[in-house]
PDB file of N, CA and C in Angstrom:
ATOM      1  N   UNK A   1       0.830  -1.159   0.000  1.00  0.00           N
ATOM      2  CA  UNK A   1       0.000   0.000   0.000  1.00  0.00           C
ATOM      3  C   UNK A   1       0.887   1.238   0.000  1.00  0.00           C
ATOM      4  N   UNK A   2       0.735   2.019  -1.000  1.00  0.00           N
ATOM      5  CA  UNK A   2       1.540   3.244  -1.059  1.00  0.00           C
ATOM      6  C   UNK A   2       0.599   4.431  -1.221  1.00  0.00           C
ATOM      7  N   UNK A   3       1.009   5.480  -0.714  1.00  0.00           N
ATOM      8  CA  UNK A   3       0.208   6.692  -0.886  1.00  0.00           C
ATOM      9  C   UNK A   3       1.142   7.831  -1.249  1.00  0.00           C
ATOM     10  N   UNK A   4       0.590   8.792  -1.977  1.00  0.00           N
ATOM     11  CA  UNK A   4       1.380   9.941  -2.423  1.00  0.00           C
ATOM     12  C   UNK A   4       1.170  11.097  -1.466  1.00  0.00           C
ATOM     13  N   UNK A   5       2.227  11.475  -0.854  1.00  0.00           N
ATOM     14  CA  UNK A   5       2.152  12.620   0.038  1.00  0.00           C
ATOM     15  C   UNK A   5       2.421  13.870  -0.781  1.00  0.00           C
ATOM     16  N   UNK A   6       1.490  14.792  -0.735  1.00  0.00           N
ATOM     17  CA  UNK A   6       1.681  16.023  -1.499  1.00  0.00           C
ATOM     18  C   UNK A   6       2.777  16.852  -0.847  1.00  0.00           C
ATOM     19  N   UNK A   7       3.626  17.355  -1.694  1.00  0.00           N
ATOM     20  CA  UNK A   7       4.740  18.148  -1.196  1.00  0.00           C
ATOM     21  C   UNK A   7       4.320  19.600  -1.013  1.00  0.00           C
ATOM     22  N   UNK A   8       4.835  20.172   0.020  1.00  0.00           N
ATOM     23  CA  UNK A   8       4.611  21.596   0.256  1.00  0.00           C
ATOM     24  C   UNK A   8       5.673  22.361  -0.522  1.00  0.00           C
ATOM     25  N   UNK A   9       5.256  23.085  -1.556  1.00  0.00           N
ATOM     26  CA  UNK A   9       6.204  23.761  -2.436  1.00  0.00           C
ATOM     27  C   UNK A   9       6.920  24.917  -1.748  1.00  0.00           C
ATOM     28  N   UNK A  10       6.291  25.539  -0.781  1.00  0.00           N
ATOM     29  CA  UNK A  10       6.927  26.681  -0.128  1.00  0.00           C
ATOM     30  C   UNK A  10       8.124  26.255   0.716  1.00  0.00           C
ATOM     31  N   UNK A  11       8.120  25.013   1.199  1.00  0.00           N
ATOM     32  CA  UNK A  11       9.246  24.553   2.017  1.00  0.00           C
ATOM     33  C   UNK A  11      10.450  24.198   1.147  1.00  0.00           C
ATOM     34  N   UNK A  12      10.235  23.928  -0.155  1.00  0.00           N
ATOM     35  CA  UNK A  12      11.332  23.584  -1.046  1.00  0.00           C
ATOM     36  C   UNK A  12      12.154  24.803  -1.453  1.00  0.00           C
ATOM     37  N   UNK A  13      11.572  26.000  -1.360  1.00  0.00           N
ATOM     38  CA  UNK A  13      12.291  27.207  -1.756  1.00  0.00           C
ATOM     39  C   UNK A  13      13.363  27.542  -0.735  1.00  0.00           C
ATOM     40  N   UNK A  14      14.536  27.933  -1.209  1.00  0.00           N
ATOM     41  CA  UNK A  14      15.575  28.322  -0.245  1.00  0.00           C
ATOM     42  C   UNK A  14      15.194  29.631   0.427  1.00  0.00           C
ATOM     43  N   UNK A  15      15.634  29.858   1.661  1.00  0.00           N
ATOM     44  CA  UNK A  15      15.302  31.102   2.343  1.00  0.00           C
ATOM     45  C   UNK A  15      15.967  32.284   1.644  1.00  0.00           C
ATOM     46  N   UNK A  16      15.332  33.442   1.748  1.00  0.00           N
ATOM     47  CA  UNK A  16      15.864  34.634   1.097  1.00  0.00           C
ATOM     48  C   UNK A  16      17.233  34.967   1.673  1.00  0.00           C
ATOM     49  N   UNK A  17      18.189  35.194   0.775  1.00  0.00           N
ATOM     50  CA  UNK A  17      19.553  35.454   1.211  1.00  0.00           C
ATOM     51  C   UNK A  17      19.653  36.880   1.740  1.00  0.00           C
ATOM     52  N   UNK A  18      20.315  37.008   2.865  1.00  0.00           N
ATOM     53  CA  UNK A  18      20.481  38.316   3.480  1.00  0.00           C
ATOM     54  C   UNK A  18      21.714  39.002   2.902  1.00  0.00           C
ATOM     55  N   UNK A  19      21.580  40.280   2.542  1.00  0.00           N
ATOM     56  CA  UNK A  19      22.663  41.061   1.955  1.00  0.00           C
ATOM     57  C   UNK A  19      23.029  42.210   2.873  1.00  0.00           C
ATOM     58  N   UNK A  20      24.283  42.630   2.785  1.00  0.00           N
ATOM     59  CA  UNK A  20      24.700  43.863   3.448  1.00  0.00           C
ATOM     60  C   UNK A  20      24.441  44.996   2.468  1.00  0.00           C
ATOM     61  N   UNK A  21      23.660  45.962   2.895  1.00  0.00           N
ATOM     62  CA  UNK A  21      23.259  47.053   2.012  1.00  0.00           C
ATOM     63  C   UNK A  21      23.599  48.367   2.679  1.00  0.00           C
ATOM     64  N   UNK A  22      24.246  49.256   1.940  1.00  0.00           N
ATOM     65  CA  UNK A  22      24.586  50.582   2.455  1.00  0.00           C
ATOM     66  C   UNK A  22      23.856  51.627   1.614  1.00  0.00           C
ATOM     67  N   UNK A  23      23.057  52.446   2.298  1.00  0.00           N
ATOM     68  CA  UNK A  23      22.341  53.542   1.648  1.00  0.00           C
ATOM     69  C   UNK A  23      23.054  54.827   2.035  1.00  0.00           C
ATOM     70  N   UNK A  24      23.570  55.557   1.038  1.00  0.00           N
ATOM     71  CA  UNK A  24      24.299  56.800   1.274  1.00  0.00           C
ATOM     72  C   UNK A  24      23.442  57.967   0.824  1.00  0.00           C
ATOM     73  N   UNK A  25      23.261  58.954   1.707  1.00  0.00           N
ATOM     74  CA  UNK A  25      22.465  60.137   1.414  1.00  0.00           C
ATOM     75  C   UNK A  25      23.381  61.356   1.414  1.00  0.00           C
ATOM     76  N   UNK A  26      23.280  62.194   0.389  1.00  0.00           N
ATOM     77  CA  UNK A  26      24.118  63.382   0.262  1.00  0.00           C
ATOM     78  C   UNK A  26      23.239  64.558  -0.139  1.00  0.00           C
ATOM     79  N   UNK A  27      23.453  65.723   0.501  1.00  0.00           N
ATOM     80  CA  UNK A  27      22.665  66.909   0.169  1.00  0.00           C
ATOM     81  C   UNK A  27      23.335  68.165   0.697  1.00  0.00           C
ATOM     82  N   UNK A  28      22.896  69.306   0.136  1.00  0.00           N
ATOM     83  CA  UNK A  28      23.339  70.607   0.636  1.00  0.00           C
ATOM     84  C   UNK A  28      22.425  71.095   1.755  1.00  0.00           C
ATOM     85  N   UNK A  29      21.268  70.467   1.905  1.00  0.00           N
ATOM     86  CA  UNK A  29      20.280  70.873   2.898  1.00  0.00           C
ATOM     87  C   UNK A  29      20.264  69.860   4.045  1.00  0.00           C
ATOM     88  N   UNK A  30      20.612  70.320   5.244  1.00  0.00           N
ATOM     89  CA  UNK A  30      20.713  69.429   6.399  1.00  0.00           C
ATOM     90  C   UNK A  30      19.358  68.853   6.801  1.00  0.00           C
ATOM     91  N   UNK A  31      18.310  69.678   6.803  1.00  0.00           N
ATOM     92  CA  UNK A  31      16.977  69.194   7.204  1.00  0.00           C
ATOM     93  C   UNK A  31      16.476  68.096   6.280  1.00  0.00           C
ATOM     94  N   UNK A  32      16.734  68.253   4.984  1.00  0.00           N
ATOM     95  CA  UNK A  32      16.270  67.261   4.018  1.00  0.00           C
ATOM     96  C   UNK A  32      16.940  65.911   4.261  1.00  0.00           C
ATOM     97  N   UNK A  33      18.242  65.924   4.540  1.00  0.00           N
ATOM     98  CA  UNK A  33      18.961  64.673   4.792  1.00  0.00           C
ATOM     99  C   UNK A  33      18.431  64.000   6.056  1.00  0.00           C
ATOM    100  N   UNK A  34      18.209  64.772   7.107  1.00  0.00           N
ATOM    101  CA  UNK A  34      17.729  64.202   8.366  1.00  0.00           C
ATOM    102  C   UNK A  34      16.318  63.627   8.227  1.00  0.00           C
ATOM    103  N   UNK A  35      15.430  64.300   7.493  1.00  0.00           N
ATOM    104  CA  UNK A  35      14.071  63.776   7.327  1.00  0.00           C
ATOM    105  C   UNK A  35      14.073  62.483   6.517  1.00  0.00           C
ATOM    106  N   UNK A  36      14.894  62.424   5.461  1.00  0.00           N
ATOM    107  CA  UNK A  36      14.964  61.200   4.658  1.00  0.00           C
ATOM    108  C   UNK A  36      15.534  60.057   5.498  1.00  0.00           C
ATOM    109  N   UNK A  37      16.542  60.347   6.326  1.00  0.00           N
ATOM    110  CA  UNK A  37      17.111  59.309   7.210  1.00  0.00           C
ATOM    111  C   UNK A  37      16.054  58.765   8.162  1.00  0.00           C
ATOM    112  N   UNK A  38      15.294  59.657   8.777  1.00  0.00           N
ATOM    113  CA  UNK A  38      14.286  59.195   9.733  1.00  0.00           C
ATOM    114  C   UNK A  38      13.191  58.388   9.039  1.00  0.00           C
ATOM    115  N   UNK A  39      12.788  58.792   7.834  1.00  0.00           N
ATOM    116  CA  UNK A  39      11.776  58.033   7.092  1.00  0.00           C
ATOM    117  C   UNK A  39      12.289  56.650   6.706  1.00  0.00           C
ATOM    118  N   UNK A  40      13.558  56.580   6.270  1.00  0.00           N
ATOM    119  CA  UNK A  40      14.132  55.286   5.914  1.00  0.00           C
ATOM    120  C   UNK A  40      14.181  54.349   7.112  1.00  0.00           C
ATOM    121  N   UNK A  41      14.562  54.878   8.273  1.00  0.00           N
ATOM    122  CA  UNK A  41      14.623  54.047   9.472  1.00  0.00           C
ATOM    123  C   UNK A  41      13.239  53.563   9.894  1.00  0.00           C
ATOM    124  N   UNK A  42      12.233  54.435   9.798  1.00  0.00           N
ATOM    125  CA  UNK A  42      10.865  54.037  10.142  1.00  0.00           C
ATOM    126  C   UNK A  42      10.367  52.925   9.222  1.00  0.00           C
ATOM    127  N   UNK A  43      10.590  53.100   7.911  1.00  0.00           N
ATOM    128  CA  UNK A  43      10.111  52.082   6.977  1.00  0.00           C
ATOM    129  C   UNK A  43      10.899  50.779   7.123  1.00  0.00           C
ATOM    130  N   UNK A  44      12.177  50.859   7.492  1.00  0.00           N
ATOM    131  CA  UNK A  44      12.967  49.644   7.715  1.00  0.00           C
ATOM    132  C   UNK A  44      12.443  48.877   8.923  1.00  0.00           C
ATOM    133  N   UNK A  45      12.070  49.597   9.981  1.00  0.00           N
ATOM    134  CA  UNK A  45      11.536  48.933  11.165  1.00  0.00           C
ATOM    135  C   UNK A  45      10.171  48.305  10.876  1.00  0.00           C
ATOM    136  N   UNK A  46       9.366  48.966  10.038  1.00  0.00           N
ATOM    137  CA  UNK A  46       8.059  48.404   9.674  1.00  0.00           C
ATOM    138  C   UNK A  46       8.211  47.133   8.852  1.00  0.00           C
ATOM    139  N   UNK A  47       9.225  47.088   7.981  1.00  0.00           N
ATOM    140  CA  UNK A  47       9.435  45.919   7.124  1.00  0.00           C
ATOM    141  C   UNK A  47      10.088  44.762   7.874  1.00  0.00           C
ATOM    142  N   UNK A  48      10.625  45.020   9.049  1.00  0.00           N
ATOM    143  CA  UNK A  48      11.239  43.957   9.832  1.00  0.00           C
ATOM    144  C   UNK A  48      12.633  43.596   9.348  1.00  0.00           C
ATOM    145  N   UNK A  49      13.430  44.597   9.086  1.00  0.00           N
ATOM    146  CA  UNK A  49      14.806  44.371   8.644  1.00  0.00           C
ATOM    147  C   UNK A  49      15.581  43.712   9.780  1.00  0.00           C
ATOM    148  N   UNK A  50      16.455  42.782   9.432  1.00  0.00           N
ATOM    149  CA  UNK A  50      17.193  42.022  10.431  1.00  0.00           C
ATOM    150  C   UNK A  50      18.075  42.902  11.309  1.00  0.00           C
ATOM    151  N   UNK A  51      18.840  43.782  10.682  1.00  0.00           N
ATOM    152  CA  UNK A  51      19.778  44.607  11.447  1.00  0.00           C
ATOM    153  C   UNK A  51      19.924  45.956  10.771  1.00  0.00           C
ATOM    154  N   UNK A  52      19.884  47.032  11.572  1.00  0.00           N
ATOM    155  CA  UNK A  52      20.029  48.390  11.048  1.00  0.00           C
ATOM    156  C   UNK A  52      21.108  49.102  11.849  1.00  0.00           C
ATOM    157  N   UNK A  53      22.045  49.717  11.145  1.00  0.00           N
ATOM    158  CA  UNK A  53      23.065  50.545  11.789  1.00  0.00           C
ATOM    159  C   UNK A  53      23.005  51.924  11.159  1.00  0.00           C
ATOM    160  N   UNK A  54      22.847  52.933  11.977  1.00  0.00           N
ATOM    161  CA  UNK A  54      22.890  54.282  11.423  1.00  0.00           C
ATOM    162  C   UNK A  54      21.734  55.111  11.875  1.00  0.00           C
ATOM    163  N   UNK A  55      21.630  56.303  11.407  1.00  0.00           N
ATOM    164  CA  UNK A  55      22.456  56.943  10.393  1.00  0.00           C
ATOM    165  C   UNK A  55      23.812  57.374  10.950  1.00  0.00           C
ATOM    166  N   UNK A  56      24.857  57.081  10.196  1.00  0.00           N
ATOM    167  CA  UNK A  56      26.208  57.476  10.574  1.00  0.00           C
ATOM    168  C   UNK A  56      26.489  58.816   9.903  1.00  0.00           C
ATOM    169  N   UNK A  57      26.850  59.797  10.704  1.00  0.00           N
ATOM    170  CA  UNK A  57      27.101  61.138  10.190  1.00  0.00           C
ATOM    171  C   UNK A  57      28.555  61.275   9.786  1.00  0.00           C
ATOM    172  N   UNK A  58      28.765  61.535   8.504  1.00  0.00           N
ATOM    173  CA  UNK A  58      30.117  61.742   7.993  1.00  0.00           C
ATOM    174  C   UNK A  58      30.482  63.220   8.162  1.00  0.00           C
ATOM    175  N   UNK A  59      31.779  63.546   8.179  1.00  0.00           N
ATOM    176  CA  UNK A  59      32.174  64.955   8.322  1.00  0.00           C
ATOM    177  C   UNK A  59      31.617  65.812   7.187  1.00  0.00           C
ATOM    178  N   UNK A  60      31.212  67.035   7.533  1.00  0.00           N
ATOM    179  CA  UNK A  60      30.644  67.957   6.557  1.00  0.00           C
ATOM    180  C   UNK A  60      31.759  68.523   5.690  1.00  0.00           C
ATOM    181  N   UNK A  61      31.566  68.470   4.375  1.00  0.00           N
ATOM    182  CA  UNK A  61      32.531  69.075   3.464  1.00  0.00           C
ATOM    183  C   UNK A  61      32.161  70.546   3.301  1.00  0.00           C
ATOM    184  N   UNK A  62      33.133  71.422   3.485  1.00  0.00           N
ATOM    185  CA  UNK A  62      32.898  72.853   3.327  1.00  0.00           C
ATOM    186  C   UNK A  62      33.757  73.331   2.166  1.00  0.00           C
ATOM    187  N   UNK A  63      33.079  73.757   1.090  1.00  0.00           N
ATOM    188  CA  UNK A  63      33.780  74.289  -0.075  1.00  0.00           C
ATOM    189  C   UNK A  63      33.761  75.804   0.019  1.00  0.00           C
ATOM    190  N   UNK A  64      34.943  76.423   0.028  1.00  0.00           N
ATOM    191  CA  UNK A  64      35.035  77.870   0.210  1.00  0.00           C
ATOM    192  C   UNK A  64      35.607  78.519  -1.044  1.00  0.00           C
ATOM    193  N   UNK A  65      35.035  79.681  -1.412  1.00  0.00           N
ATOM    194  CA  UNK A  65      35.527  80.491  -2.521  1.00  0.00           C
ATOM    195  C   UNK A  65      35.656  81.918  -2.027  1.00  0.00           C
ATOM    196  N   UNK A  66      36.817  82.517  -2.229  1.00  0.00           N
ATOM    197  CA  UNK A  66      37.046  83.909  -1.857  1.00  0.00           C
ATOM    198  C   UNK A  66      37.322  84.687  -3.137  1.00  0.00           C
ATOM    199  N   UNK A  67      36.565  85.767  -3.378  1.00  0.00           N
ATOM    200  CA  UNK A  67      36.732  86.562  -4.601  1.00  0.00           C
ATOM    201  C   UNK A  67      36.784  88.040  -4.253  1.00  0.00           C
ATOM    202  N   UNK A  68      37.366  88.829  -5.145  1.00  0.00           N
ATOM    203  CA  UNK A  68      37.387  90.289  -4.982  1.00  0.00           C
ATOM    204  C   UNK A  68      36.022  90.858  -5.330  1.00  0.00           C
ATOM    205  N   UNK A  69      35.601  91.891  -4.609  1.00  0.00           N
ATOM    206  CA  UNK A  69      34.304  92.512  -4.877  1.00  0.00           C
ATOM    207  C   UNK A  69      34.334  93.336  -6.153  1.00  0.00           C
ATOM    208  N   UNK A  70      35.437  94.012  -6.405  1.00  0.00           N
ATOM    209  CA  UNK A  70      35.496  94.890  -7.580  1.00  0.00           C
ATOM    210  C   UNK A  70      35.892  94.080  -8.806  1.00  0.00           C
ATOM    211  N   UNK A  71      35.185  94.263  -9.913  1.00  0.00           N
ATOM    212  CA  UNK A  71      35.492  93.488 -11.117  1.00  0.00           C
ATOM    213  C   UNK A  71      36.778  93.938 -11.814  1.00  0.00           C
ATOM    214  N   UNK A  72      37.147  95.224 -11.671  1.00  0.00           N
ATOM    215  CA  UNK A  72      38.292  95.729 -12.418  1.00  0.00           C
ATOM    216  C   UNK A  72      39.593  95.658 -11.617  1.00  0.00           C
ATOM    217  N   UNK A  73      39.519  95.457 -10.307  1.00  0.00           N
ATOM    218  CA  UNK A  73      40.723  95.380  -9.505  1.00  0.00           C
ATOM    219  C   UNK A  73      41.136  96.709  -8.898  1.00  0.00           C
ATOM    220  N   UNK A  74      40.437  97.798  -9.218  1.00  0.00           N
ATOM    221  CA  UNK A  74      40.751  99.114  -8.660  1.00  0.00           C
ATOM    222  C   UNK A  74      40.032  99.299  -7.324  1.00  0.00           C
ATOM    223  N   UNK A  75      40.441 100.274  -6.566  1.00  0.00           N
ATOM    224  CA  UNK A  75      39.754 100.611  -5.324  1.00  0.00           C
ATOM    225  C   UNK A  75      40.304  99.835  -4.147  1.00  0.00           C
ATOM    226  N   UNK A  76      39.570  99.911  -3.037  1.00  0.00           N
ATOM    227  CA  UNK A  76      40.033  99.222  -1.829  1.00  0.00           C
ATOM    228  C   UNK A  76      39.924  97.713  -2.031  1.00  0.00           C
ATOM    229  N   UNK A  77      40.788  97.014  -1.365  1.00  0.00           N
ATOM    230  CA  UNK A  77      40.833  95.564  -1.543  1.00  0.00           C
ATOM    231  C   UNK A  77      39.815  94.909  -0.610  1.00  0.00           C
ATOM    232  N   UNK A  78      38.599  94.750  -1.100  1.00  0.00           N
ATOM    233  CA  UNK A  78      37.543  94.087  -0.329  1.00  0.00           C
ATOM    234  C   UNK A  78      37.243  92.741  -0.969  1.00  0.00           C
ATOM    235  N   UNK A  79      36.907  91.788  -0.119  1.00  0.00           N
ATOM    236  CA  UNK A  79      36.726  90.422  -0.566  1.00  0.00           C
ATOM    237  C   UNK A  79      35.360  89.898  -0.143  1.00  0.00           C
ATOM    238  N   UNK A  80      34.800  89.036  -0.974  1.00  0.00           N
ATOM    239  CA  UNK A  80      33.586  88.281  -0.633  1.00  0.00           C
ATOM    240  C   UNK A  80      33.986  86.842  -0.364  1.00  0.00           C
ATOM    241  N   UNK A  81      33.368  86.257   0.644  1.00  0.00           N
ATOM    242  CA  UNK A  81      33.635  84.854   0.974  1.00  0.00           C
ATOM    243  C   UNK A  81      32.338  84.064   0.843  1.00  0.00           C
ATOM    244  N   UNK A  82      32.370  83.016   0.039  1.00  0.00           N
ATOM    245  CA  UNK A  82      31.216  82.140  -0.150  1.00  0.00           C
ATOM    246  C   UNK A  82      31.605  80.736   0.283  1.00  0.00           C
ATOM    247  N   UNK A  83      30.646  80.025   0.832  1.00  0.00           N
ATOM    248  CA  UNK A  83      30.913  78.630   1.179  1.00  0.00           C
ATOM    249  C   UNK A  83      29.673  77.782   0.931  1.00  0.00           C
ATOM    250  N   UNK A  84      29.940  76.536   0.590  1.00  0.00           N
ATOM    251  CA  UNK A  84      28.899  75.553   0.325  1.00  0.00           C
ATOM    252  C   UNK A  84      29.176  74.350   1.210  1.00  0.00           C
ATOM    253  N   UNK A  85      28.187  73.950   2.006  1.00  0.00           N
ATOM    254  CA  UNK A  85      28.344  72.803   2.897  1.00  0.00           C
ATOM    255  C   UNK A  85      27.610  71.606   2.307  1.00  0.00           C
ATOM    256  N   UNK A  86      28.295  70.455   2.323  1.00  0.00           N
ATOM    257  CA  UNK A  86      27.718  69.217   1.816  1.00  0.00           C
ATOM    258  C   UNK A  86      27.630  68.231   2.976  1.00  0.00           C
ATOM    259  N   UNK A  87      26.398  67.764   3.272  1.00  0.00           N
ATOM    260  CA  UNK A  87      26.136  66.848   4.386  1.00  0.00           C
ATOM    261  C   UNK A  87      25.984  65.436   3.837  1.00  0.00           C
ATOM    262  N   UNK A  88      26.531  64.475   4.577  1.00  0.00           N
ATOM    263  CA  UNK A  88      26.504  63.093   4.120  1.00  0.00           C
ATOM    264  C   UNK A  88      26.167  62.164   5.284  1.00  0.00           C
ATOM    265  N   UNK A  89      25.250  61.219   5.042  1.00  0.00           N
ATOM    266  CA  UNK A  89      24.856  60.218   6.028  1.00  0.00           C
ATOM    267  C   UNK A  89      24.827  58.865   5.331  1.00  0.00           C
ATOM    268  N   UNK A  90      25.093  57.796   6.081  1.00  0.00           N
ATOM    269  CA  UNK A  90      24.853  56.474   5.516  1.00  0.00           C
ATOM    270  C   UNK A  90      24.218  55.559   6.546  1.00  0.00           C
ATOM    271  N   UNK A  91      23.438  54.620   6.024  1.00  0.00           N
ATOM    272  CA  UNK A  91      22.697  53.657   6.832  1.00  0.00           C
ATOM    273  C   UNK A  91      23.059  52.267   6.322  1.00  0.00           C
ATOM    274  N   UNK A  92      23.448  51.383   7.235  1.00  0.00           N
ATOM    275  CA  UNK A  92      23.755  50.002   6.881  1.00  0.00           C
ATOM    276  C   UNK A  92      22.578  49.112   7.257  1.00  0.00           C
ATOM    277  N   UNK A  93      22.145  48.287   6.313  1.00  0.00           N
ATOM    278  CA  UNK A  93      21.040  47.353   6.534  1.00  0.00           C
ATOM    279  C   UNK A  93      21.537  45.941   6.273  1.00  0.00           C
ATOM    280  N   UNK A  94      20.973  44.995   6.975  1.00  0.00           N
ATOM    281  CA  UNK A  94      21.270  43.586   6.752  1.00  0.00           C
ATOM    282  C   UNK A  94      19.938  42.898   6.495  1.00  0.00           C
ATOM    283  N   UNK A  95      19.569  42.762   5.209  1.00  0.00           N
ATOM    284  CA  UNK A  95      18.256  42.216   4.874  1.00  0.00           C
ATOM    285  C   UNK A  95      18.256  41.699   3.442  1.00  0.00           C
ATOM    286  N   UNK A  96      17.183  40.992   3.041  1.00  0.00           N
ATOM    287  CA  UNK A  96      17.056  40.549   1.649  1.00  0.00           C
ATOM    288  C   UNK A  96      16.859  41.739   0.703  1.00  0.00           C
ATOM    289  N   UNK A  97      17.222  41.554  -0.552  1.00  0.00           N
ATOM    290  CA  UNK A  97      17.143  42.628  -1.547  1.00  0.00           C
ATOM    291  C   UNK A  97      15.698  43.075  -1.789  1.00  0.00           C
ATOM    292  N   UNK A  98      14.737  42.153  -1.691  1.00  0.00           N
ATOM    293  CA  UNK A  98      13.334  42.512  -1.923  1.00  0.00           C
ATOM    294  C   UNK A  98      12.840  43.507  -0.873  1.00  0.00           C
ATOM    295  N   UNK A  99      13.300  43.328   0.354  1.00  0.00           N
ATOM    296  CA  UNK A  99      12.903  44.231   1.434  1.00  0.00           C
ATOM    297  C   UNK A  99      13.429  45.632   1.180  1.00  0.00           C
ATOM    298  N   UNK A 100      14.644  45.723   0.662  1.00  0.00           N
ATOM    299  CA  UNK A 100      15.240  47.040   0.393  1.00  0.00           C
ATOM    300  C   UNK A 100      14.475  47.753  -0.712  1.00  0.00           C
ATOM    301  N   UNK A 101      13.991  47.007  -1.699  1.00  0.00           N
ATOM    302  CA  UNK A 101      13.186  47.615  -2.756  1.00  0.00           C
ATOM    303  C   UNK A 101      11.935  48.249  -2.174  1.00  0.00           C
ATOM    304  N   UNK A 102      11.307  47.586  -1.214  1.00  0.00           N
ATOM    305  CA  UNK A 102      10.105  48.129  -0.590  1.00  0.00           C
ATOM    306  C   UNK A 102      10.430  49.345   0.260  1.00  0.00           C
ATOM    307  N   UNK A 103      11.585  49.328   0.923  1.00  0.00           N
ATOM    308  CA  UNK A 103      11.973  50.448   1.786  1.00  0.00           C
ATOM    309  C   UNK A 103      12.253  51.694   0.963  1.00  0.00           C
ATOM    310  N   UNK A 104      12.943  51.529  -0.166  1.00  0.00           N
ATOM    311  CA  UNK A 104      13.374  52.682  -0.955  1.00  0.00           C
ATOM    312  C   UNK A 104      12.309  53.193  -1.931  1.00  0.00           C
ATOM    313  N   UNK A 105      11.098  52.659  -1.890  1.00  0.00           N
ATOM    314  CA  UNK A 105      10.021  53.144  -2.760  1.00  0.00           C
ATOM    315  C   UNK A 105       9.365  54.418  -2.238  1.00  0.00           C
ATOM    316  N   UNK A 106       9.907  55.014  -1.212  1.00  0.00           N
ATOM    317  CA  UNK A 106       9.312  56.191  -0.594  1.00  0.00           C
ATOM    318  C   UNK A 106       9.676  57.466  -1.354  1.00  0.00           C
ATOM    319  N   UNK A 107       8.925  58.526  -1.091  1.00  0.00           N
ATOM    320  CA  UNK A 107       9.218  59.822  -1.689  1.00  0.00           C
ATOM    321  C   UNK A 107      10.428  60.429  -0.997  1.00  0.00           C
ATOM    322  N   UNK A 108      11.323  60.984  -1.789  1.00  0.00           N
ATOM    323  CA  UNK A 108      12.562  61.550  -1.257  1.00  0.00           C
ATOM    324  C   UNK A 108      12.535  63.049  -1.473  1.00  0.00           C
ATOM    325  N   UNK A 109      13.028  63.784  -0.488  1.00  0.00           N
ATOM    326  CA  UNK A 109      13.076  65.242  -0.555  1.00  0.00           C
ATOM    327  C   UNK A 109      13.873  65.680  -1.789  1.00  0.00           C
ATOM    328  N   UNK A 110      13.495  66.793  -2.414  1.00  0.00           N
ATOM    329  CA  UNK A 110      14.285  67.289  -3.545  1.00  0.00           C
ATOM    330  C   UNK A 110      15.648  67.757  -3.077  1.00  0.00           C
ATOM    331  N   UNK A 111      16.669  67.481  -3.858  1.00  0.00           N
ATOM    332  CA  UNK A 111      18.019  67.890  -3.535  1.00  0.00           C
ATOM    333  C   UNK A 111      18.813  66.854  -2.766  1.00  0.00           C
ATOM    334  N   UNK A 112      18.213  65.700  -2.462  1.00  0.00           N
ATOM    335  CA  UNK A 112      18.922  64.648  -1.733  1.00  0.00           C
ATOM    336  C   UNK A 112      19.283  63.548  -2.718  1.00  0.00           C
ATOM    337  N   UNK A 113      20.567  63.220  -2.773  1.00  0.00           N
ATOM    338  CA  UNK A 113      21.032  62.153  -3.649  1.00  0.00           C
ATOM    339  C   UNK A 113      21.124  60.865  -2.834  1.00  0.00           C
ATOM    340  N   UNK A 114      20.594  59.779  -3.396  1.00  0.00           N
ATOM    341  CA  UNK A 114      20.581  58.490  -2.709  1.00  0.00           C
ATOM    342  C   UNK A 114      21.404  57.499  -3.535  1.00  0.00           C
ATOM    343  N   UNK A 115      22.314  56.811  -2.853  1.00  0.00           N
ATOM    344  CA  UNK A 115      23.135  55.791  -3.507  1.00  0.00           C
ATOM    345  C   UNK A 115      22.989  54.507  -2.700  1.00  0.00           C
ATOM    346  N   UNK A 116      22.591  53.419  -3.384  1.00  0.00           N
ATOM    347  CA  UNK A 116      22.400  52.134  -2.716  1.00  0.00           C
ATOM    348  C   UNK A 116      23.490  51.177  -3.210  1.00  0.00           C
ATOM    349  N   UNK A 117      24.264  50.640  -2.254  1.00  0.00           N
ATOM    350  CA  UNK A 117      25.336  49.702  -2.568  1.00  0.00           C
ATOM    351  C   UNK A 117      25.016  48.370  -1.904  1.00  0.00           C
ATOM    352  N   UNK A 118      25.047  47.292  -2.714  1.00  0.00           N
ATOM    353  CA  UNK A 118      24.736  45.977  -2.186  1.00  0.00           C
ATOM    354  C   UNK A 118      26.009  45.128  -2.217  1.00  0.00           C
ATOM    355  N   UNK A 119      26.381  44.593  -1.056  1.00  0.00           N
ATOM    356  CA  UNK A 119      27.514  43.672  -0.963  1.00  0.00           C
ATOM    357  C   UNK A 119      26.963  42.273  -0.694  1.00  0.00           C
ATOM    358  N   UNK A 120      27.671  41.273  -1.146  1.00  0.00           N
ATOM    359  CA  UNK A 120      27.205  39.893  -0.971  1.00  0.00           C
ATOM    360  C   UNK A 120      27.124  39.576   0.473  1.00  0.00           C
TER     361      UNK A 120
END
């Protein structure tokens, strides 16, 4: 007497492989970077990411330009000083790639550049 036991197909699938993922945020606007970081962390916690590290604050890059006020070079020697600050944050996640796709589907503030790096 033999009987056929139906196989459960979901148990045959290998578990989703966990990846190390680094999300790097760069912007000239500090508030925009901080809001995007907080939104990413909230959505990561909702999705049940295995491990989250960050946001790690990188040193602010300050680009400075000093120019003369007078276009012709005559007159008193007065100078204008301009500077541009670039803020950078990164968040490390340890989760499957599908989860990261769901996390990064959110609206991002204008002026914030997002770079996603996936390591095996």
